[in-house]
Amino acid sequence: MILIVVKFRVKPEVGDGFLDAVADFTAATRAEPGNLWFEWSRSVERENEFVLIEAFKDDAAEAHVNSDHFRDGLAAMKPLLTETPLIVSRLVEGEGWDRMGELTID
C-alpha cells in the first residue's frame, strides 16, 4: 500500500472551520476505489496544524492525484494555508493497520 502523511499549517482564523472546508474533498477521496483510509487529526502541539494520514492500494494513489476532486480540493485549501504542506509518502507492505506487538491489552 502507499502510506501518506501530510502536515497542513492553516491560518489561525480558519483553524476551527478547516475540516468543514475540506469535507467534500474528504468524502470524495474516501469514496474512491482503492482508498484504504483518509483520516484528519488536529495537532496537540500546534493549534493551527492538521495532520492527514491516508493510504491507498498500490495502484490507486495515481488515480487520486489525477482526479477532479483532488485538483479542486487543493485549490480550495490553498488560500487557507500559511505554507506549503509537508509530506511523507512511502510504499509499505500490507493493506491495513496491525496490532502493536509491544503493548497488548487483554
PDB file of N, CA and C in Angstrom:
ATOM      1  N   MET A   1       0.846  -1.178   0.000  1.00  0.00           N
ATOM      2  CA  MET A   1       0.000   0.000   0.000  1.00  0.00           C
ATOM      3  C   MET A   1       0.884   1.230   0.000  1.00  0.00           C
ATOM      4  N   ILE A   2       0.320   2.325  -0.400  1.00  0.00           N
ATOM      5  CA  ILE A   2       1.015   3.605  -0.340  1.00  0.00           C
ATOM      6  C   ILE A   2       0.475   4.344   0.881  1.00  0.00           C
ATOM      7  N   LEU A   3       1.364   4.643   1.805  1.00  0.00           N
ATOM      8  CA  LEU A   3       1.021   5.340   3.043  1.00  0.00           C
ATOM      9  C   LEU A   3       1.524   6.773   2.938  1.00  0.00           C
ATOM     10  N   ILE A   4       0.627   7.716   3.184  1.00  0.00           N
ATOM     11  CA  ILE A   4       0.943   9.133   3.024  1.00  0.00           C
ATOM     12  C   ILE A   4       0.557   9.876   4.294  1.00  0.00           C
ATOM     13  N   VAL A   5       1.459  10.710   4.773  1.00  0.00           N
ATOM     14  CA  VAL A   5       1.190  11.580   5.918  1.00  0.00           C
ATOM     15  C   VAL A   5       1.519  13.011   5.479  1.00  0.00           C
ATOM     16  N   VAL A   6       0.563  13.910   5.670  1.00  0.00           N
ATOM     17  CA  VAL A   6       0.749  15.301   5.255  1.00  0.00           C
ATOM     18  C   VAL A   6       0.415  16.224   6.414  1.00  0.00           C
ATOM     19  N   LYS A   7       1.265  17.224   6.641  1.00  0.00           N
ATOM     20  CA  LYS A   7       1.012  18.258   7.647  1.00  0.00           C
ATOM     21  C   LYS A   7       0.588  19.540   6.938  1.00  0.00           C
ATOM     22  N   PHE A   8      -0.573  20.054   7.333  1.00  0.00           N
ATOM     23  CA  PHE A   8      -1.109  21.285   6.775  1.00  0.00           C
ATOM     24  C   PHE A   8      -1.131  22.356   7.863  1.00  0.00           C
ATOM     25  N   ARG A   9      -0.425  23.441   7.660  1.00  0.00           N
ATOM     26  CA  ARG A   9      -0.489  24.573   8.596  1.00  0.00           C
ATOM     27  C   ARG A   9      -1.466  25.587   8.037  1.00  0.00           C
ATOM     28  N   VAL A  10      -2.488  25.889   8.841  1.00  0.00           N
ATOM     29  CA  VAL A  10      -3.571  26.749   8.369  1.00  0.00           C
ATOM     30  C   VAL A  10      -3.518  28.106   9.051  1.00  0.00           C
ATOM     31  N   LYS A  11      -4.137  29.089   8.426  1.00  0.00           N
ATOM     32  CA  LYS A  11      -4.229  30.424   9.003  1.00  0.00           C
ATOM     33  C   LYS A  11      -5.040  30.349  10.300  1.00  0.00           C
ATOM     34  N   PRO A  12      -4.633  31.071  11.341  1.00  0.00           N
ATOM     35  CA  PRO A  12      -5.330  30.991  12.637  1.00  0.00           C
ATOM     36  C   PRO A  12      -6.827  31.239  12.543  1.00  0.00           C
ATOM     37  N   GLU A  13      -7.244  32.131  11.680  1.00  0.00           N
ATOM     38  CA  GLU A  13      -8.664  32.475  11.598  1.00  0.00           C
ATOM     39  C   GLU A  13      -9.518  31.384  10.929  1.00  0.00           C
ATOM     40  N   VAL A  14      -8.896  30.396  10.315  1.00  0.00           N
ATOM     41  CA  VAL A  14      -9.668  29.323   9.681  1.00  0.00           C
ATOM     42  C   VAL A  14      -9.508  27.979  10.377  1.00  0.00           C
ATOM     43  N   GLY A  15      -8.723  27.940  11.442  1.00  0.00           N
ATOM     44  CA  GLY A  15      -8.450  26.672  12.118  1.00  0.00           C
ATOM     45  C   GLY A  15      -9.694  25.907  12.517  1.00  0.00           C
ATOM     46  N   ASP A  16     -10.642  26.572  13.149  1.00  0.00           N
ATOM     47  CA  ASP A  16     -11.828  25.881  13.627  1.00  0.00           C
ATOM     48  C   ASP A  16     -12.766  25.446  12.503  1.00  0.00           C
ATOM     49  N   GLY A  17     -12.654  26.040  11.339  1.00  0.00           N
ATOM     50  CA  GLY A  17     -13.512  25.671  10.221  1.00  0.00           C
ATOM     51  C   GLY A  17     -12.819  24.864   9.136  1.00  0.00           C
ATOM     52  N   PHE A  18     -11.555  24.515   9.356  1.00  0.00           N
ATOM     53  CA  PHE A  18     -10.780  23.852   8.309  1.00  0.00           C
ATOM     54  C   PHE A  18     -11.390  22.513   7.891  1.00  0.00           C
ATOM     55  N   LEU A  19     -11.762  21.691   8.854  1.00  0.00           N
ATOM     56  CA  LEU A  19     -12.305  20.373   8.496  1.00  0.00           C
ATOM     57  C   LEU A  19     -13.614  20.498   7.724  1.00  0.00           C
ATOM     58  N   ASP A  20     -14.416  21.504   8.042  1.00  0.00           N
ATOM     59  CA  ASP A  20     -15.628  21.749   7.262  1.00  0.00           C
ATOM     60  C   ASP A  20     -15.267  22.168   5.837  1.00  0.00           C
ATOM     61  N   ALA A  21     -14.212  22.959   5.702  1.00  0.00           N
ATOM     62  CA  ALA A  21     -13.799  23.445   4.381  1.00  0.00           C
ATOM     63  C   ALA A  21     -13.300  22.317   3.483  1.00  0.00           C
ATOM     64  N   VAL A  22     -12.769  21.255   4.070  1.00  0.00           N
ATOM     65  CA  VAL A  22     -12.240  20.135   3.278  1.00  0.00           C
ATOM     66  C   VAL A  22     -13.178  18.922   3.297  1.00  0.00           C
ATOM     67  N   ALA A  23     -14.393  19.091   3.783  1.00  0.00           N
ATOM     68  CA  ALA A  23     -15.325  17.965   3.940  1.00  0.00           C
ATOM     69  C   ALA A  23     -15.670  17.301   2.607  1.00  0.00           C
ATOM     70  N   ASP A  24     -15.915  18.075   1.562  1.00  0.00           N
ATOM     71  CA  ASP A  24     -16.262  17.483   0.263  1.00  0.00           C
ATOM     72  C   ASP A  24     -15.075  16.701  -0.304  1.00  0.00           C
ATOM     73  N   PHE A  25     -13.890  17.280  -0.205  1.00  0.00           N
ATOM     74  CA  PHE A  25     -12.661  16.615  -0.658  1.00  0.00           C
ATOM     75  C   PHE A  25     -12.457  15.313   0.113  1.00  0.00           C
ATOM     76  N   THR A  26     -12.669  15.358   1.426  1.00  0.00           N
ATOM     77  CA  THR A  26     -12.506  14.177   2.265  1.00  0.00           C
ATOM     78  C   THR A  26     -13.495  13.084   1.854  1.00  0.00           C
ATOM     79  N   ALA A  27     -14.757  13.438   1.710  1.00  0.00           N
ATOM     80  CA  ALA A  27     -15.781  12.458   1.352  1.00  0.00           C
ATOM     81  C   ALA A  27     -15.510  11.844  -0.022  1.00  0.00           C
ATOM     82  N   ALA A  28     -15.125  12.669  -0.981  1.00  0.00           N
ATOM     83  CA  ALA A  28     -14.857  12.163  -2.331  1.00  0.00           C
ATOM     84  C   ALA A  28     -13.656  11.221  -2.329  1.00  0.00           C
ATOM     85  N   THR A  29     -12.633  11.543  -1.567  1.00  0.00           N
ATOM     86  CA  THR A  29     -11.450  10.688  -1.509  1.00  0.00           C
ATOM     87  C   THR A  29     -11.774   9.366  -0.831  1.00  0.00           C
ATOM     88  N   ARG A  30     -12.526   9.412   0.261  1.00  0.00           N
ATOM     89  CA  ARG A  30     -12.895   8.173   0.958  1.00  0.00           C
ATOM     90  C   ARG A  30     -13.728   7.255   0.073  1.00  0.00           C
ATOM     91  N   ALA A  31     -14.440   7.810  -0.890  1.00  0.00           N
ATOM     92  CA  ALA A  31     -15.294   7.017  -1.786  1.00  0.00           C
ATOM     93  C   ALA A  31     -14.527   6.430  -2.972  1.00  0.00           C
ATOM     94  N   GLU A  32     -13.285   6.800  -3.143  1.00  0.00           N
ATOM     95  CA  GLU A  32     -12.501   6.312  -4.274  1.00  0.00           C
ATOM     96  C   GLU A  32     -12.230   4.817  -4.151  1.00  0.00           C
ATOM     97  N   PRO A  33     -12.301   4.098  -5.271  1.00  0.00           N
ATOM     98  CA  PRO A  33     -11.845   2.703  -5.250  1.00  0.00           C
ATOM     99  C   PRO A  33     -10.354   2.690  -4.895  1.00  0.00           C
ATOM    100  N   GLY A  34      -9.962   1.819  -4.015  1.00  0.00           N
ATOM    101  CA  GLY A  34      -8.548   1.719  -3.654  1.00  0.00           C
ATOM    102  C   GLY A  34      -8.134   2.570  -2.473  1.00  0.00           C
ATOM    103  N   ASN A  35      -9.016   3.455  -2.000  1.00  0.00           N
ATOM    104  CA  ASN A  35      -8.687   4.213  -0.792  1.00  0.00           C
ATOM    105  C   ASN A  35      -8.888   3.306   0.408  1.00  0.00           C
ATOM    106  N   LEU A  36      -7.863   3.196   1.243  1.00  0.00           N
ATOM    107  CA  LEU A  36      -7.944   2.360   2.445  1.00  0.00           C
ATOM    108  C   LEU A  36      -8.358   3.176   3.666  1.00  0.00           C
ATOM    109  N   TRP A  37      -7.844   4.375   3.777  1.00  0.00           N
ATOM    110  CA  TRP A  37      -8.307   5.311   4.795  1.00  0.00           C
ATOM    111  C   TRP A  37      -7.814   6.714   4.477  1.00  0.00           C
ATOM    112  N   PHE A  38      -8.497   7.679   5.070  1.00  0.00           N
ATOM    113  CA  PHE A  38      -8.225   9.102   4.843  1.00  0.00           C
ATOM    114  C   PHE A  38      -8.687   9.792   6.119  1.00  0.00           C
ATOM    115  N   GLU A  39      -7.763  10.027   7.049  1.00  0.00           N
ATOM    116  CA  GLU A  39      -8.100  10.466   8.397  1.00  0.00           C
ATOM    117  C   GLU A  39      -7.369  11.751   8.778  1.00  0.00           C
ATOM    118  N   TRP A  40      -8.139  12.731   9.220  1.00  0.00           N
ATOM    119  CA  TRP A  40      -7.600  14.009   9.674  1.00  0.00           C
ATOM    120  C   TRP A  40      -7.463  14.008  11.198  1.00  0.00           C
ATOM    121  N   SER A  41      -6.428  14.670  11.693  1.00  0.00           N
ATOM    122  CA  SER A  41      -6.256  14.935  13.115  1.00  0.00           C
ATOM    123  C   SER A  41      -5.731  16.356  13.272  1.00  0.00           C
ATOM    124  N   ARG A  42      -6.052  16.945  14.409  1.00  0.00           N
ATOM    125  CA  ARG A  42      -5.518  18.270  14.713  1.00  0.00           C
ATOM    126  C   ARG A  42      -4.362  18.088  15.688  1.00  0.00           C
ATOM    127  N   SER A  43      -3.262  18.737  15.408  1.00  0.00           N
ATOM    128  CA  SER A  43      -2.076  18.608  16.247  1.00  0.00           C
ATOM    129  C   SER A  43      -2.356  19.089  17.666  1.00  0.00           C
ATOM    130  N   VAL A  44      -1.826  18.372  18.646  1.00  0.00           N
ATOM    131  CA  VAL A  44      -1.941  18.806  20.036  1.00  0.00           C
ATOM    132  C   VAL A  44      -0.798  19.751  20.401  1.00  0.00           C
ATOM    133  N   GLU A  45       0.186  19.871  19.519  1.00  0.00           N
ATOM    134  CA  GLU A  45       1.327  20.754  19.771  1.00  0.00           C
ATOM    135  C   GLU A  45       1.237  22.081  19.022  1.00  0.00           C
ATOM    136  N   ARG A  46       0.608  22.054  17.858  1.00  0.00           N
ATOM    137  CA  ARG A  46       0.452  23.262  17.041  1.00  0.00           C
ATOM    138  C   ARG A  46      -1.024  23.418  16.717  1.00  0.00           C
ATOM    139  N   GLU A  47      -1.667  24.363  17.345  1.00  0.00           N
ATOM    140  CA  GLU A  47      -3.111  24.541  17.229  1.00  0.00           C
ATOM    141  C   GLU A  47      -3.595  24.663  15.791  1.00  0.00           C
ATOM    142  N   ASN A  48      -2.798  25.258  14.936  1.00  0.00           N
ATOM    143  CA  ASN A  48      -3.217  25.501  13.559  1.00  0.00           C
ATOM    144  C   ASN A  48      -2.564  24.553  12.561  1.00  0.00           C
ATOM    145  N   GLU A  49      -2.264  23.351  13.043  1.00  0.00           N
ATOM    146  CA  GLU A  49      -1.707  22.331  12.158  1.00  0.00           C
ATOM    147  C   GLU A  49      -2.627  21.112  12.156  1.00  0.00           C
ATOM    148  N   PHE A  50      -2.930  20.633  10.954  1.00  0.00           N
ATOM    149  CA  PHE A  50      -3.728  19.431  10.781  1.00  0.00           C
ATOM    150  C   PHE A  50      -2.860  18.378  10.119  1.00  0.00           C
ATOM    151  N   VAL A  51      -3.031  17.138  10.546  1.00  0.00           N
ATOM    152  CA  VAL A  51      -2.257  16.037  10.005  1.00  0.00           C
ATOM    153  C   VAL A  51      -3.228  15.078   9.312  1.00  0.00           C
ATOM    154  N   LEU A  52      -2.920  14.756   8.083  1.00  0.00           N
ATOM    155  CA  LEU A  52      -3.722  13.829   7.296  1.00  0.00           C
ATOM    156  C   LEU A  52      -2.939  12.535   7.131  1.00  0.00           C
ATOM    157  N   ILE A  53      -3.564  11.422   7.516  1.00  0.00           N
ATOM    158  CA  ILE A  53      -2.978  10.100   7.299  1.00  0.00           C
ATOM    159  C   ILE A  53      -3.882   9.401   6.300  1.00  0.00           C
ATOM    160  N   GLU A  54      -3.309   9.013   5.180  1.00  0.00           N
ATOM    161  CA  GLU A  54      -4.091   8.378   4.133  1.00  0.00           C
ATOM    162  C   GLU A  54      -3.335   7.178   3.576  1.00  0.00           C
ATOM    163  N   ALA A  55      -4.092   6.233   3.059  1.00  0.00           N
ATOM    164  CA  ALA A  55      -3.477   5.050   2.462  1.00  0.00           C
ATOM    165  C   ALA A  55      -4.317   4.607   1.276  1.00  0.00           C
ATOM    166  N   PHE A  56      -3.612   4.087   0.281  1.00  0.00           N
ATOM    167  CA  PHE A  56      -4.239   3.606  -0.943  1.00  0.00           C
ATOM    168  C   PHE A  56      -3.629   2.265  -1.322  1.00  0.00           C
ATOM    169  N   LYS A  57      -4.431   1.424  -1.972  1.00  0.00           N
ATOM    170  CA  LYS A  57      -3.851   0.240  -2.580  1.00  0.00           C
ATOM    171  C   LYS A  57      -2.801   0.726  -3.571  1.00  0.00           C
ATOM    172  N   ASP A  58      -1.796  -0.089  -3.822  1.00  0.00           N
ATOM    173  CA  ASP A  58      -0.617   0.323  -4.588  1.00  0.00           C
ATOM    174  C   ASP A  58      -0.907   1.106  -5.853  1.00  0.00           C
ATOM    175  N   ASP A  59      -1.914   0.728  -6.602  1.00  0.00           N
ATOM    176  CA  ASP A  59      -2.154   1.358  -7.888  1.00  0.00           C
ATOM    177  C   ASP A  59      -3.217   2.455  -7.841  1.00  0.00           C
ATOM    178  N   ALA A  60      -3.737   2.783  -6.654  1.00  0.00           N
ATOM    179  CA  ALA A  60      -4.854   3.724  -6.572  1.00  0.00           C
ATOM    180  C   ALA A  60      -4.435   5.171  -6.309  1.00  0.00           C
ATOM    181  N   ALA A  61      -3.253   5.405  -5.819  1.00  0.00           N
ATOM    182  CA  ALA A  61      -2.846   6.772  -5.486  1.00  0.00           C
ATOM    183  C   ALA A  61      -2.722   7.650  -6.727  1.00  0.00           C
ATOM    184  N   GLU A  62      -2.286   7.070  -7.812  1.00  0.00           N
ATOM    185  CA  GLU A  62      -2.145   7.865  -9.041  1.00  0.00           C
ATOM    186  C   GLU A  62      -3.499   8.378  -9.526  1.00  0.00           C
ATOM    187  N   ALA A  63      -4.519   7.526  -9.467  1.00  0.00           N
ATOM    188  CA  ALA A  63      -5.870   7.965  -9.849  1.00  0.00           C
ATOM    189  C   ALA A  63      -6.349   9.071  -8.921  1.00  0.00           C
ATOM    190  N   HIS A  64      -5.990   8.980  -7.653  1.00  0.00           N
ATOM    191  CA  HIS A  64      -6.382  10.001  -6.673  1.00  0.00           C
ATOM    192  C   HIS A  64      -5.814  11.366  -7.059  1.00  0.00           C
ATOM    193  N   VAL A  65      -4.513  11.429  -7.306  1.00  0.00           N
ATOM    194  CA  VAL A  65      -3.898  12.734  -7.594  1.00  0.00           C
ATOM    195  C   VAL A  65      -4.266  13.270  -8.968  1.00  0.00           C
ATOM    196  N   ASN A  66      -4.831  12.419  -9.816  1.00  0.00           N
ATOM    197  CA  ASN A  66      -5.281  12.875 -11.126  1.00  0.00           C
ATOM    198  C   ASN A  66      -6.781  13.152 -11.181  1.00  0.00           C
ATOM    199  N   SER A  67      -7.465  13.046 -10.049  1.00  0.00           N
ATOM    200  CA  SER A  67      -8.918  13.232 -10.025  1.00  0.00           C
ATOM    201  C   SER A  67      -9.290  14.720  -9.974  1.00  0.00           C
ATOM    202  N   ASP A  68     -10.494  15.004 -10.424  1.00  0.00           N
ATOM    203  CA  ASP A  68     -11.003  16.380 -10.361  1.00  0.00           C
ATOM    204  C   ASP A  68     -11.145  16.851  -8.922  1.00  0.00           C
ATOM    205  N   HIS A  69     -11.622  15.973  -8.032  1.00  0.00           N
ATOM    206  CA  HIS A  69     -11.807  16.409  -6.645  1.00  0.00           C
ATOM    207  C   HIS A  69     -10.476  16.667  -5.939  1.00  0.00           C
ATOM    208  N   PHE A  70      -9.411  16.003  -6.361  1.00  0.00           N
ATOM    209  CA  PHE A  70      -8.086  16.296  -5.802  1.00  0.00           C
ATOM    210  C   PHE A  70      -7.653  17.707  -6.218  1.00  0.00           C
ATOM    211  N   ARG A  71      -7.765  17.976  -7.514  1.00  0.00           N
ATOM    212  CA  ARG A  71      -7.395  19.304  -8.029  1.00  0.00           C
ATOM    213  C   ARG A  71      -8.237  20.396  -7.365  1.00  0.00           C
ATOM    214  N   ASP A  72      -9.551  20.173  -7.307  1.00  0.00           N
ATOM    215  CA  ASP A  72     -10.442  21.164  -6.714  1.00  0.00           C
ATOM    216  C   ASP A  72     -10.222  21.305  -5.208  1.00  0.00           C
ATOM    217  N   GLY A  73      -9.955  20.189  -4.549  1.00  0.00           N
ATOM    218  CA  GLY A  73      -9.707  20.222  -3.101  1.00  0.00           C
ATOM    219  C   GLY A  73      -8.459  21.011  -2.752  1.00  0.00           C
ATOM    220  N   LEU A  74      -7.388  20.810  -3.514  1.00  0.00           N
ATOM    221  CA  LEU A  74      -6.159  21.564  -3.254  1.00  0.00           C
ATOM    222  C   LEU A  74      -6.355  23.042  -3.548  1.00  0.00           C
ATOM    223  N   ALA A  75      -7.092  23.345  -4.598  1.00  0.00           N
ATOM    224  CA  ALA A  75      -7.359  24.752  -4.923  1.00  0.00           C
ATOM    225  C   ALA A  75      -8.158  25.430  -3.814  1.00  0.00           C
ATOM    226  N   ALA A  76      -9.110  24.706  -3.224  1.00  0.00           N
ATOM    227  CA  ALA A  76      -9.903  25.267  -2.130  1.00  0.00           C
ATOM    228  C   ALA A  76      -9.079  25.428  -0.860  1.00  0.00           C
ATOM    229  N   MET A  77      -8.127  24.531  -0.649  1.00  0.00           N
ATOM    230  CA  MET A  77      -7.270  24.595   0.544  1.00  0.00           C
ATOM    231  C   MET A  77      -6.231  25.711   0.483  1.00  0.00           C
ATOM    232  N   LYS A  78      -5.723  25.945  -0.694  1.00  0.00           N
ATOM    233  CA  LYS A  78      -4.573  26.844  -0.846  1.00  0.00           C
ATOM    234  C   LYS A  78      -4.724  28.182  -0.125  1.00  0.00           C
ATOM    235  N   PRO A  79      -5.843  28.892  -0.239  1.00  0.00           N
ATOM    236  CA  PRO A  79      -5.938  30.183   0.447  1.00  0.00           C
ATOM    237  C   PRO A  79      -6.065  30.067   1.977  1.00  0.00           C
ATOM    238  N   LEU A  80      -6.259  28.851   2.470  1.00  0.00           N
ATOM    239  CA  LEU A  80      -6.400  28.641   3.908  1.00  0.00           C
ATOM    240  C   LEU A  80      -5.071  28.336   4.592  1.00  0.00           C
ATOM    241  N   LEU A  81      -4.041  28.072   3.802  1.00  0.00           N
ATOM    242  CA  LEU A  81      -2.758  27.605   4.327  1.00  0.00           C
ATOM    243  C   LEU A  81      -1.751  28.735   4.487  1.00  0.00           C
ATOM    244  N   THR A  82      -0.834  28.534   5.432  1.00  0.00           N
ATOM    245  CA  THR A  82       0.229  29.520   5.652  1.00  0.00           C
ATOM    246  C   THR A  82       1.526  29.150   4.945  1.00  0.00           C
ATOM    247  N   GLU A  83       1.644  27.881   4.547  1.00  0.00           N
ATOM    248  CA  GLU A  83       2.863  27.428   3.872  1.00  0.00           C
ATOM    249  C   GLU A  83       2.577  26.143   3.105  1.00  0.00           C
ATOM    250  N   THR A  84       3.521  25.749   2.283  1.00  0.00           N
ATOM    251  CA  THR A  84       3.413  24.507   1.537  1.00  0.00           C
ATOM    252  C   THR A  84       3.373  23.340   2.509  1.00  0.00           C
ATOM    253  N   PRO A  85       2.415  22.431   2.360  1.00  0.00           N
ATOM    254  CA  PRO A  85       2.334  21.273   3.262  1.00  0.00           C
ATOM    255  C   PRO A  85       3.588  20.406   3.193  1.00  0.00           C
ATOM    256  N   LEU A  86       3.858  19.714   4.294  1.00  0.00           N
ATOM    257  CA  LEU A  86       4.965  18.764   4.380  1.00  0.00           C
ATOM    258  C   LEU A  86       4.388  17.365   4.201  1.00  0.00           C
ATOM    259  N   ILE A  87       5.099  16.505   3.449  1.00  0.00           N
ATOM    260  CA  ILE A  87       4.556  15.186   3.123  1.00  0.00           C
ATOM    261  C   ILE A  87       5.605  14.098   3.268  1.00  0.00           C
ATOM    262  N   VAL A  88       5.144  12.934   3.697  1.00  0.00           N
ATOM    263  CA  VAL A  88       5.905  11.693   3.637  1.00  0.00           C
ATOM    264  C   VAL A  88       5.023  10.718   2.878  1.00  0.00           C
ATOM    265  N   SER A  89       5.554  10.111   1.825  1.00  0.00           N
ATOM    266  CA  SER A  89       4.803   9.160   1.017  1.00  0.00           C
ATOM    267  C   SER A  89       5.702   7.950   0.781  1.00  0.00           C
ATOM    268  N   ARG A  90       5.228   6.772   1.236  1.00  0.00           N
ATOM    269  CA  ARG A  90       6.051   5.570   1.137  1.00  0.00           C
ATOM    270  C   ARG A  90       5.212   4.366   0.735  1.00  0.00           C
ATOM    271  N   LEU A  91       5.823   3.473   0.013  1.00  0.00           N
ATOM    272  CA  LEU A  91       5.233   2.190  -0.302  1.00  0.00           C
ATOM    273  C   LEU A  91       5.582   1.251   0.843  1.00  0.00           C
ATOM    274  N   VAL A  92       4.568   0.677   1.486  1.00  0.00           N
ATOM    275  CA  VAL A  92       4.787  -0.230   2.614  1.00  0.00           C
ATOM    276  C   VAL A  92       4.001  -1.518   2.391  1.00  0.00           C
ATOM    277  N   GLU A  93       4.408  -2.578   3.059  1.00  0.00           N
ATOM    278  CA  GLU A  93       3.707  -3.851   2.950  1.00  0.00           C
ATOM    279  C   GLU A  93       2.366  -3.784   3.668  1.00  0.00           C
ATOM    280  N   GLY A  94       1.421  -4.586   3.195  1.00  0.00           N
ATOM    281  CA  GLY A  94       0.136  -4.711   3.858  1.00  0.00           C
ATOM    282  C   GLY A  94      -0.923  -3.811   3.262  1.00  0.00           C
ATOM    283  N   GLU A  95      -2.135  -3.923   3.811  1.00  0.00           N
ATOM    284  CA  GLU A  95      -3.255  -3.087   3.379  1.00  0.00           C
ATOM    285  C   GLU A  95      -4.107  -2.669   4.556  1.00  0.00           C
ATOM    286  N   GLY A  96      -3.489  -2.514   5.709  1.00  0.00           N
ATOM    287  CA  GLY A  96      -4.259  -2.104   6.873  1.00  0.00           C
ATOM    288  C   GLY A  96      -3.389  -1.956   8.098  1.00  0.00           C
ATOM    289  N   TRP A  97      -4.060  -1.645   9.175  1.00  0.00           N
ATOM    290  CA  TRP A  97      -3.397  -1.469  10.458  1.00  0.00           C
ATOM    291  C   TRP A  97      -3.120  -2.833  11.090  1.00  0.00           C
ATOM    292  N   ASP A  98      -2.002  -2.951  11.779  1.00  0.00           N
ATOM    293  CA  ASP A  98      -1.684  -4.142  12.557  1.00  0.00           C
ATOM    294  C   ASP A  98      -1.754  -3.798  14.042  1.00  0.00           C
ATOM    295  N   ARG A  99      -1.925  -4.790  14.856  1.00  0.00           N
ATOM    296  CA  ARG A  99      -1.904  -4.586  16.309  1.00  0.00           C
ATOM    297  C   ARG A  99      -0.453  -4.390  16.746  1.00  0.00           C
ATOM    298  N   MET A 100      -0.268  -3.523  17.728  1.00  0.00           N
ATOM    299  CA  MET A 100       1.061  -3.232  18.260  1.00  0.00           C
ATOM    300  C   MET A 100       1.536  -4.411  19.098  1.00  0.00           C
ATOM    301  N   GLY A 101       2.668  -4.986  18.755  1.00  0.00           N
ATOM    302  CA  GLY A 101       3.202  -6.147  19.475  1.00  0.00           C
ATOM    303  C   GLY A 101       3.817  -5.807  20.823  1.00  0.00           C
ATOM    304  N   GLU A 102       4.308  -4.581  20.963  1.00  0.00           N
ATOM    305  CA  GLU A 102       4.989  -4.188  22.189  1.00  0.00           C
ATOM    306  C   GLU A 102       4.035  -3.799  23.321  1.00  0.00           C
ATOM    307  N   LEU A 103       2.766  -3.598  23.008  1.00  0.00           N
ATOM    308  CA  LEU A 103       1.777  -3.225  24.020  1.00  0.00           C
ATOM    309  C   LEU A 103       0.468  -3.907  23.675  1.00  0.00           C
ATOM    310  N   THR A 104       0.127  -4.919  24.420  1.00  0.00           N
ATOM    311  CA  THR A 104      -1.119  -5.637  24.168  1.00  0.00           C
ATOM    312  C   THR A 104      -2.064  -5.441  25.340  1.00  0.00           C
ATOM    313  N   ILE A 105      -3.329  -5.354  25.032  1.00  0.00           N
ATOM    314  CA  ILE A 105      -4.366  -5.204  26.046  1.00  0.00           C
ATOM    315  C   ILE A 105      -5.193  -6.479  26.025  1.00  0.00           C
ATOM    316  N   ASP A 106      -5.274  -7.142  27.161  1.00  0.00           N
ATOM    317  CA  ASP A 106      -6.046  -8.390  27.263  1.00  0.00           C
ATOM    318  C   ASP A 106      -7.486  -8.116  27.576  1.00  0.00           C
TER     319      ASP A 106
END
